[in-house]
Protein backbone atom coordinates (compact mmCIF):
# COMPACT_ATOMS: atom_id res chain seq x y z
CA MET A 1 -8.64 -3.68 -24.34
CA LYS A 2 -7.52 -0.53 -25.81
CA SER A 3 -5.05 0.17 -23.25
CA SER A 4 -5.38 -1.54 -19.68
CA GLY A 5 -6.56 -5.00 -20.90
CA LEU A 6 -8.66 -6.83 -18.29
CA ALA A 7 -8.81 -4.05 -15.73
CA LEU A 8 -11.44 -5.62 -13.26
CA PHE A 9 -12.64 -9.23 -13.88
CA SER A 10 -15.55 -10.08 -11.63
CA LEU A 11 -17.19 -13.12 -11.13
CA GLY A 12 -19.83 -12.15 -8.91
CA LEU A 13 -21.70 -9.07 -7.26
CA ASP A 14 -18.48 -6.79 -7.00
CA PRO A 15 -18.01 -3.81 -4.67
CA LEU A 16 -18.24 -1.03 -6.77
CA PHE A 17 -14.74 0.54 -4.97
CA LEU A 18 -13.01 -2.08 -7.01
CA ALA A 19 -13.81 -0.70 -10.25
CA ARG A 20 -12.74 2.87 -9.07
CA ALA A 21 -9.42 1.39 -7.99
CA ALA A 22 -8.71 -0.25 -11.20
CA PHE A 23 -8.68 2.73 -12.61
CA ALA A 24 -7.13 4.97 -9.99
CA ALA A 25 -3.91 2.22 -10.06
CA ARG A 26 -3.95 1.79 -13.86
CA PRO A 27 -0.78 4.08 -15.18
CA SER A 28 -1.85 6.46 -17.86
CA ALA A 29 1.95 5.26 -20.01
CA GLY A 30 4.63 3.29 -20.06
CA PRO A 31 4.90 -0.85 -20.06
CA PRO A 32 2.40 -3.28 -18.58
CA ASP A 33 2.33 -3.21 -15.13
CA ARG A 34 1.98 -7.05 -13.94
CA ARG A 35 0.99 -6.52 -10.40
CA ILE A 36 -2.63 -7.93 -9.52
CA LEU A 37 -5.14 -7.62 -6.84
CA VAL A 38 -7.52 -10.01 -6.56
CA CYS A 39 -10.54 -10.20 -3.95
CA LEU A 40 -12.43 -12.69 -2.60
CA PHE A 41 -15.58 -12.11 -1.29
CA GLN A 42 -17.28 -14.21 1.62
CA ARG A 43 -20.83 -13.41 1.12
CA GLY A 44 -23.24 -13.71 4.06
CA ALA A 45 -20.55 -12.45 6.89
CA VAL A 46 -18.36 -14.91 7.76
CA ASP A 47 -17.63 -15.85 11.65
CA GLY A 48 -13.80 -14.35 11.87
CA LEU A 49 -13.40 -15.90 15.17
CA ASN A 50 -14.15 -19.30 14.19
CA MET A 51 -11.88 -18.59 11.05
CA ILE A 52 -8.82 -17.44 12.69
CA VAL A 53 -9.25 -18.70 16.16
CA PRO A 54 -8.62 -16.59 19.41
CA HIS A 55 -7.82 -19.80 21.06
CA GLY A 56 -5.74 -18.23 23.49
CA ASP A 57 -8.96 -16.03 25.26
CA PRO A 58 -11.13 -18.18 27.71
CA LEU A 59 -13.62 -16.05 26.95
CA TYR A 60 -13.93 -17.57 23.50
CA TYR A 61 -14.90 -20.73 24.81
CA ARG A 62 -17.04 -19.74 27.78
CA GLU A 63 -19.12 -17.56 25.02
CA ARG A 64 -19.33 -20.65 22.56
CA PRO A 65 -19.99 -23.71 24.39
CA ARG A 66 -21.11 -25.99 20.96
CA ILE A 67 -19.71 -23.93 18.56
CA ALA A 68 -16.08 -23.05 19.74
CA VAL A 69 -13.21 -24.95 18.10
CA PRO A 70 -11.37 -26.73 20.30
CA ALA A 71 -8.02 -26.12 21.49
CA THR A 72 -6.60 -29.20 20.59
CA ASP A 73 -8.04 -29.10 17.09
CA VAL A 74 -6.57 -25.61 16.32
CA VAL A 75 -3.68 -24.85 13.92
CA ASP A 76 -1.76 -22.60 16.11
CA LEU A 77 -0.03 -19.47 14.67
CA ASP A 78 1.33 -17.30 17.18
CA GLY A 79 0.38 -18.84 20.46
CA TYR A 80 -2.70 -16.91 20.72
CA PHE A 81 -4.45 -17.30 17.61
CA GLY A 82 -4.85 -20.34 15.00
CA LEU A 83 -6.59 -20.99 11.96
CA HIS A 84 -9.69 -23.41 11.80
CA PRO A 85 -8.69 -26.89 11.16
CA ARG A 86 -10.32 -27.09 7.65
CA LEU A 87 -7.68 -23.99 6.95
CA ALA A 88 -4.80 -26.28 7.66
CA ALA A 89 -3.85 -26.41 3.97
CA LEU A 90 -3.11 -22.96 4.34
CA LYS A 91 -0.47 -23.07 7.02
CA PRO A 92 2.77 -23.94 4.85
CA LEU A 93 1.62 -20.38 2.97
CA TRP A 94 1.82 -18.87 6.70
CA ASP A 95 5.27 -20.58 7.45
CA SER A 96 6.58 -18.81 4.11
CA LYS A 97 5.77 -15.57 5.01
CA ARG A 98 2.88 -15.48 2.42
CA LEU A 99 -0.17 -15.37 4.29
CA ALA A 100 -1.09 -12.78 6.79
CA ALA A 101 -4.70 -12.54 8.75
CA ILE A 102 -6.14 -9.10 10.06
CA HIS A 103 -8.61 -9.09 12.81
CA ALA A 104 -11.27 -6.67 13.99
CA ILE A 105 -11.27 -5.13 10.91
CA GLY A 106 -14.28 -4.17 9.14
CA SER A 107 -16.17 -1.14 8.48
CA PRO A 108 -17.31 1.41 11.15
CA ASP A 109 -20.48 1.89 9.86
CA ALA A 110 -22.72 0.29 12.51
CA THR A 111 -24.91 -1.77 9.96
CA ARG A 112 -25.92 -5.40 10.38
CA SER A 113 -27.58 -5.76 6.86
CA HIS A 114 -26.54 -7.63 3.76
CA PHE A 115 -28.34 -4.82 1.87
CA ASP A 116 -26.39 -1.97 2.82
CA TYR A 117 -23.94 -1.12 0.68
CA CYS A 118 -22.19 2.04 -0.56
CA GLN A 119 -23.25 3.92 -4.10
CA HIS A 120 -21.12 4.74 -6.73
CA ASP A 121 -20.72 8.24 -7.91
CA ARG A 122 -17.91 7.72 -10.20
CA GLU A 123 -18.69 5.24 -13.35
CA HIS A 124 -16.05 2.96 -14.92
CA GLN A 125 -14.30 3.89 -17.71
CA ASP A 126 -12.94 2.97 -20.88
CA THR A 127 -12.88 -0.77 -20.91
CA PRO A 128 -15.47 -3.29 -21.76
CA PHE A 129 -14.08 -5.84 -19.05
CA ARG A 130 -13.72 -3.28 -16.29
CA ALA A 131 -16.76 -4.80 -14.65
CA VAL A 132 -17.94 -8.53 -15.54
CA ALA A 133 -20.65 -10.82 -13.47
CA PHE A 134 -20.83 -14.67 -14.10
CA GLY A 135 -24.28 -15.35 -14.13
CA PRO A 136 -27.10 -15.75 -16.43
CA GLU A 137 -28.14 -11.96 -15.99
CA LEU A 138 -26.60 -8.82 -14.98
CA PRO A 139 -26.37 -7.75 -11.31
CA ARG A 140 -28.66 -4.70 -10.40
CA ILE A 141 -25.23 -3.53 -8.69
CA LEU A 142 -23.39 -3.60 -12.32
CA ALA A 143 -26.10 -2.05 -13.98
CA GLY A 144 -26.05 1.60 -15.57
CA THR A 145 -24.03 3.27 -17.92
CA ALA A 146 -20.55 1.76 -17.30
CA PRO A 147 -19.22 -0.97 -19.38
CA SER A 148 -20.45 -4.15 -17.32
CA LEU A 149 -20.64 -7.84 -19.17
CA ALA A 150 -22.54 -10.57 -17.59
CA ILE A 151 -21.54 -14.11 -18.94
CA ALA A 152 -22.53 -17.78 -17.71
CA ASP A 153 -18.85 -19.33 -18.26
CA LEU A 154 -15.63 -18.04 -19.32
CA GLN A 155 -15.00 -21.25 -21.20
CA ALA A 156 -18.51 -20.75 -22.86
CA PHE A 157 -17.77 -16.64 -23.80
CA GLY A 158 -17.35 -16.76 -27.40
CA LEU A 159 -18.66 -17.77 -30.69
CA ARG A 160 -18.53 -20.76 -32.44
CA ALA A 161 -19.54 -21.91 -36.11
CA PRO A 162 -18.28 -23.75 -38.98
CA GLN A 163 -18.96 -21.52 -42.12
CA PRO A 164 -17.74 -17.91 -42.68
CA ALA A 165 -21.66 -16.93 -43.54
CA ALA A 166 -22.97 -18.13 -40.37
CA ARG A 167 -20.00 -16.77 -38.44
CA ASP A 168 -20.72 -13.30 -39.96
CA ARG A 169 -24.67 -13.86 -39.08
CA LEU A 170 -23.71 -14.50 -35.66
CA THR A 171 -21.14 -11.53 -35.35
CA ARG A 172 -23.81 -9.36 -36.41
CA ALA A 173 -26.44 -10.67 -34.14
CA PHE A 174 -24.04 -10.70 -31.28
CA GLU A 175 -22.91 -6.68 -31.98
CA GLU A 176 -26.70 -6.20 -31.86
CA LEU A 177 -27.74 -8.18 -28.91
CA TYR A 178 -24.67 -6.26 -27.13
CA ALA A 179 -25.46 -2.63 -28.52
CA GLY A 180 -28.95 -3.11 -26.49
CA SER A 181 -28.44 -2.37 -23.11
CA ALA A 182 -32.06 -2.43 -22.30
CA THR A 183 -32.03 -6.15 -22.48
CA GLY A 184 -30.37 -6.52 -19.20
CA LEU A 185 -27.15 -8.99 -20.59
CA LEU A 186 -24.91 -6.34 -21.04
CA SER A 187 -24.50 -2.26 -20.60
CA THR A 188 -21.50 -1.24 -23.09
CA SER A 189 -20.68 -0.92 -26.83
CA SER A 190 -20.81 -3.56 -29.03
CA GLN A 191 -17.16 -3.02 -30.46
CA GLU A 192 -15.81 -3.44 -27.01
CA ALA A 193 -17.68 -6.43 -25.97
CA PHE A 194 -16.89 -7.88 -29.28
CA GLN A 195 -13.36 -6.69 -28.48
CA ALA A 196 -13.51 -8.83 -25.43
CA VAL A 197 -14.85 -12.09 -26.91
CA GLN A 198 -12.11 -12.05 -29.34
CA THR A 199 -9.68 -11.76 -26.51
CA LEU A 200 -10.87 -14.57 -24.60
CA GLN A 201 -11.32 -17.05 -27.82
CA ARG A 202 -7.49 -16.70 -28.38
CA VAL A 203 -6.65 -17.27 -24.65
CA ASP A 204 -9.16 -20.26 -25.42
CA PRO A 205 -10.00 -21.21 -22.13
CA THR A 206 -11.18 -24.91 -22.37
CA GLN A 207 -7.37 -26.15 -23.07
CA TYR A 208 -6.65 -24.72 -19.73
CA GLN A 209 -4.44 -27.04 -17.27
CA PRO A 210 -3.40 -26.08 -13.89
CA ALA A 211 0.61 -26.17 -13.35
CA ASN A 212 2.33 -27.64 -10.40
CA GLY A 213 -0.02 -30.29 -9.44
CA ALA A 214 -2.78 -27.61 -8.20
CA ASP A 215 -5.73 -29.45 -7.76
CA TYR A 216 -9.14 -26.63 -7.34
CA PRO A 217 -12.07 -27.55 -5.70
CA ARG A 218 -15.05 -28.72 -8.02
CA GLY A 219 -17.23 -25.87 -6.91
CA ARG A 220 -18.11 -22.47 -7.69
CA LEU A 221 -15.25 -20.91 -6.15
CA GLY A 222 -12.48 -23.38 -7.06
CA LYS A 223 -13.64 -23.16 -10.84
CA ALA A 224 -13.71 -18.83 -10.62
CA MET A 225 -10.18 -19.16 -9.13
CA LEU A 226 -8.92 -21.27 -11.75
CA GLU A 227 -10.27 -19.19 -14.28
CA ILE A 228 -8.46 -16.09 -13.08
CA ALA A 229 -5.35 -18.02 -12.64
CA GLN A 230 -5.77 -18.62 -16.59
CA LEU A 231 -5.93 -14.92 -17.14
CA ILE A 232 -3.01 -14.08 -14.90
CA LYS A 233 -1.16 -16.62 -16.56
CA ALA A 234 -2.53 -15.48 -20.15
CA ASP A 235 -1.04 -12.21 -19.81
CA VAL A 236 -3.90 -10.47 -21.00
CA GLY A 237 -3.68 -7.21 -18.92
CA LEU A 238 -5.96 -8.32 -15.70
CA GLN A 239 -5.30 -6.11 -12.87
CA VAL A 240 -8.18 -6.38 -10.62
CA ALA A 241 -10.32 -9.66 -10.03
CA PHE A 242 -13.32 -10.21 -8.19
CA ALA A 243 -14.41 -13.67 -6.92
CA ASP A 244 -17.42 -14.49 -4.48
CA VAL A 245 -18.49 -17.58 -2.76
CA THR A 246 -21.89 -17.76 -0.64
CA GLY A 247 -22.76 -19.96 2.32
CA TRP A 248 -21.05 -17.69 5.19
CA ASP A 249 -24.49 -16.63 6.79
CA THR A 250 -24.41 -19.10 9.71
CA HIS A 251 -27.49 -18.57 11.89
CA VAL A 252 -28.16 -22.07 12.89
CA ASN A 253 -26.17 -25.12 12.95
CA GLN A 254 -22.97 -23.71 12.46
CA GLY A 255 -20.96 -26.23 13.69
CA ALA A 256 -17.39 -26.11 15.40
CA SER A 257 -14.43 -28.47 13.94
CA GLU A 258 -16.93 -30.18 11.25
CA GLY A 259 -20.29 -28.88 10.16
CA GLN A 260 -21.72 -26.00 8.05
CA LEU A 261 -18.94 -23.41 8.58
CA ALA A 262 -16.16 -25.98 8.19
CA ALA A 263 -17.23 -26.88 5.02
CA ARG A 264 -16.92 -23.67 3.53
CA LEU A 265 -13.49 -23.06 5.02
CA ALA A 266 -12.18 -26.26 3.35
CA GLU A 267 -13.22 -24.85 0.20
CA LEU A 268 -11.64 -21.67 0.85
CA GLY A 269 -8.42 -23.16 2.27
CA GLN A 270 -7.88 -25.46 -0.89
CA THR A 271 -8.94 -23.28 -3.27
CA LEU A 272 -6.21 -20.52 -2.31
CA THR A 273 -3.91 -23.29 -1.91
CA ALA A 274 -4.71 -24.62 -5.30
CA PHE A 275 -4.18 -20.97 -6.41
CA ALA A 276 -0.93 -20.24 -5.34
CA ARG A 277 0.54 -23.77 -6.35
CA ASP A 278 -1.09 -22.87 -9.86
CA LEU A 279 0.75 -19.35 -10.32
CA GLY A 280 3.74 -20.51 -9.19
CA GLU A 281 6.50 -17.82 -9.37
CA LYS A 282 3.66 -15.30 -10.63
CA LEU A 283 2.40 -15.07 -6.97
CA ASP A 284 5.06 -12.72 -6.52
CA ASP A 285 3.33 -9.92 -8.24
CA VAL A 286 -0.43 -11.01 -6.73
CA VAL A 287 -2.15 -10.08 -3.59
CA VAL A 288 -5.25 -12.05 -2.66
CA LEU A 289 -7.69 -10.43 -0.15
CA THR A 290 -10.59 -12.31 1.63
CA MET A 291 -13.37 -9.82 2.50
CA SER A 292 -17.04 -10.31 3.82
CA GLU A 293 -19.77 -7.64 4.80
CA PHE A 294 -19.14 -7.83 8.44
CA GLY A 295 -18.62 -10.38 11.35
CA ARG A 296 -20.85 -12.09 13.49
CA THR A 297 -21.64 -12.33 17.38
CA VAL A 298 -19.24 -13.24 19.77
CA ARG A 299 -21.66 -15.13 21.77
CA GLU A 300 -23.37 -17.97 19.86
CA ASN A 301 -27.31 -18.11 19.71
CA GLY A 302 -29.94 -20.09 20.50
CA ASN A 303 -29.84 -22.34 17.52
CA SER A 304 -26.22 -23.10 17.81
CA GLY A 305 -25.40 -20.45 15.36
CA THR A 306 -24.08 -17.11 15.31
CA ASP A 307 -26.28 -13.57 14.64
CA HIS A 308 -24.93 -10.86 11.99
CA GLY A 309 -22.04 -8.66 14.21
CA HIS A 310 -19.59 -5.66 13.30
CA ALA A 311 -15.84 -6.61 12.76
CA THR A 312 -14.30 -10.07 11.08
CA ALA A 313 -11.01 -11.24 9.89
CA MET A 314 -9.58 -10.86 6.67
CA LEU A 315 -6.88 -12.88 4.76
CA VAL A 316 -4.06 -11.53 2.87
CA LEU A 317 -2.43 -14.10 0.42
CA GLY A 318 0.31 -12.99 -1.81
CA GLY A 319 4.58 -12.70 -2.86
CA PRO A 320 4.09 -9.06 -1.70
CA VAL A 321 2.45 -9.91 1.54
CA ASN A 322 4.14 -9.08 4.93
CA GLY A 323 3.04 -12.85 6.15
CA GLY A 324 3.16 -14.93 9.00
CA LYS A 325 1.64 -12.25 11.19
CA VAL A 326 -2.20 -11.54 12.65
CA LEU A 327 -2.06 -7.92 11.96
CA GLY A 328 -4.41 -5.01 13.41
CA ALA A 329 -5.28 -4.13 17.04
CA TRP A 330 -7.01 -7.61 18.92
CA PRO A 331 -9.57 -5.61 21.24
CA GLY A 332 -10.37 -8.52 22.96
CA LEU A 333 -13.43 -10.36 23.55
CA ASP A 334 -13.77 -8.96 27.11
CA PRO A 335 -17.55 -7.57 27.26
CA ALA A 336 -16.66 -3.96 28.01
CA ASN A 337 -14.60 -3.36 25.01
CA ARG A 338 -16.96 -5.19 22.76
CA PHE A 339 -18.80 -3.11 20.28
CA GLU A 340 -22.53 -2.39 21.80
CA GLY A 341 -21.65 -5.02 24.30
CA ARG A 342 -22.17 -7.97 21.85
CA ASP A 343 -19.41 -7.86 18.58
CA VAL A 344 -15.74 -7.57 18.20
CA ALA A 345 -15.04 -4.12 17.74
CA VAL A 346 -13.82 -2.59 14.50
CA THR A 347 -10.27 -1.50 15.47
CA THR A 348 -9.08 -1.09 11.38
CA ASP A 349 -11.19 0.29 9.09
CA PHE A 350 -10.84 -1.72 5.95
CA ARG A 351 -10.57 1.15 3.75
CA ASP A 352 -7.23 1.74 5.03
CA LEU A 353 -5.98 -2.09 4.37
CA PHE A 354 -7.42 -1.56 0.78
CA ALA A 355 -5.70 1.83 0.55
CA GLU A 356 -2.37 -0.07 1.76
CA VAL A 357 -2.81 -2.38 -1.02
CA LEU A 358 -3.58 -0.16 -3.71
CA ALA A 359 -0.83 2.33 -2.70
CA ARG A 360 1.84 -0.19 -1.85
CA HIS A 361 0.99 -3.03 -3.95
CA LEU A 362 -0.76 -1.39 -7.29
CA GLY A 363 0.86 1.97 -7.01
CA ALA A 364 -2.35 3.86 -6.97
CA ARG A 365 -1.80 7.61 -6.06
CA ASP A 366 -5.45 9.19 -5.75
CA LEU A 367 -6.72 7.20 -3.13
CA SER A 368 -9.15 10.03 -2.33
CA ALA A 369 -11.15 8.93 -5.68
CA ILE A 370 -11.61 5.65 -4.67
CA PHE A 371 -13.21 6.09 -1.00
CA PRO A 372 -15.29 9.32 -1.50
CA GLY A 373 -15.33 11.14 1.93
CA PHE A 374 -12.70 9.01 3.38
CA THR A 375 -9.22 10.18 3.41
CA PRO A 376 -6.72 6.51 3.89
CA ASP A 377 -3.70 7.50 6.36
CA PRO A 378 -0.45 5.43 5.80
CA ALA A 379 0.07 5.75 9.59
CA ARG A 380 -3.34 3.76 10.17
CA PHE A 381 -2.30 0.98 7.23
CA PRO A 382 -2.16 -2.16 9.10
CA GLY A 383 1.33 -3.50 7.50
CA ALA A 384 0.00 -6.28 5.16
CA ILE A 385 2.40 -5.15 2.35
CA SER A 386 6.22 -5.42 2.68
CA ALA A 387 7.79 -2.19 2.12
């Protein structure tokens, strides 16, 4: 609040490098910067091959006789890659150069475990909203001395009491509650927490109506992105936002054009479309990145699903995006070029993509502080952000 406002607004279990990114990108002086990064986490390891389909490769169909998306259903993008049919709502954004895809992207780490994640050696700093989780309790990944807030619903976040005396008692009780980080509800100071409540009360989430006929899906993801859009348009200083959606761990009965994965992709496509429509011209200052832990195997398994793999696909949406392209070096599906003979190989380190977005979109200068032990190189940037 004091200088950068809602620097990191998170509706789930956030990758901790995003907190470092918000701090590194924040200007120390001068007028407020309107550029915003929104990260959408597909929790469970999304199958990039059925999200951005390599329908021009016969090996894709040979390895997935039951779950490959038929070429006749694919929404073609460039003659080789195409969107899953349940992402068809995104095609106009592709055509207007506001949407790009990056294939064969991921972490060079060989892990396929959902529970391996990087540890954070530098805490968040100086704002109560740098890390916020929507849920009944503070996730373990946000526990510690850094300012972290857990709330169940943006619309319910605040204090309402009809009489001044009752309000004063509630205020004192609230401050005492939030001063005790051992409760697991919050790890921040009572003063900062109460400041955050007052700001959200002024925003008044209960009165928000999406613009331009935007129709968000009624699930958790749609609600999260609607609330992020509200905070962007309320001009409260939001800089880095995070939302997540589960249901991408498709070991069994994954489906092809229809089914389990298709339902998740339909929700994703509808949400991103509504978000872009809702923001209107403000999308010129916003970049949305989709991300996941890793990808899934090239070959389907015996349960008509896929197992944990290596590289996946990511989407980049927004006004500054170099859209209408599938970016990255595609290694192909030939078994000789696969990672450990079974997975799509990582040819783009996800840290290079994030570094590009942070440097070229948010104006971050000290990228070494964001990914300890890793030095981003502009020569490796995939070209997701227009120069």
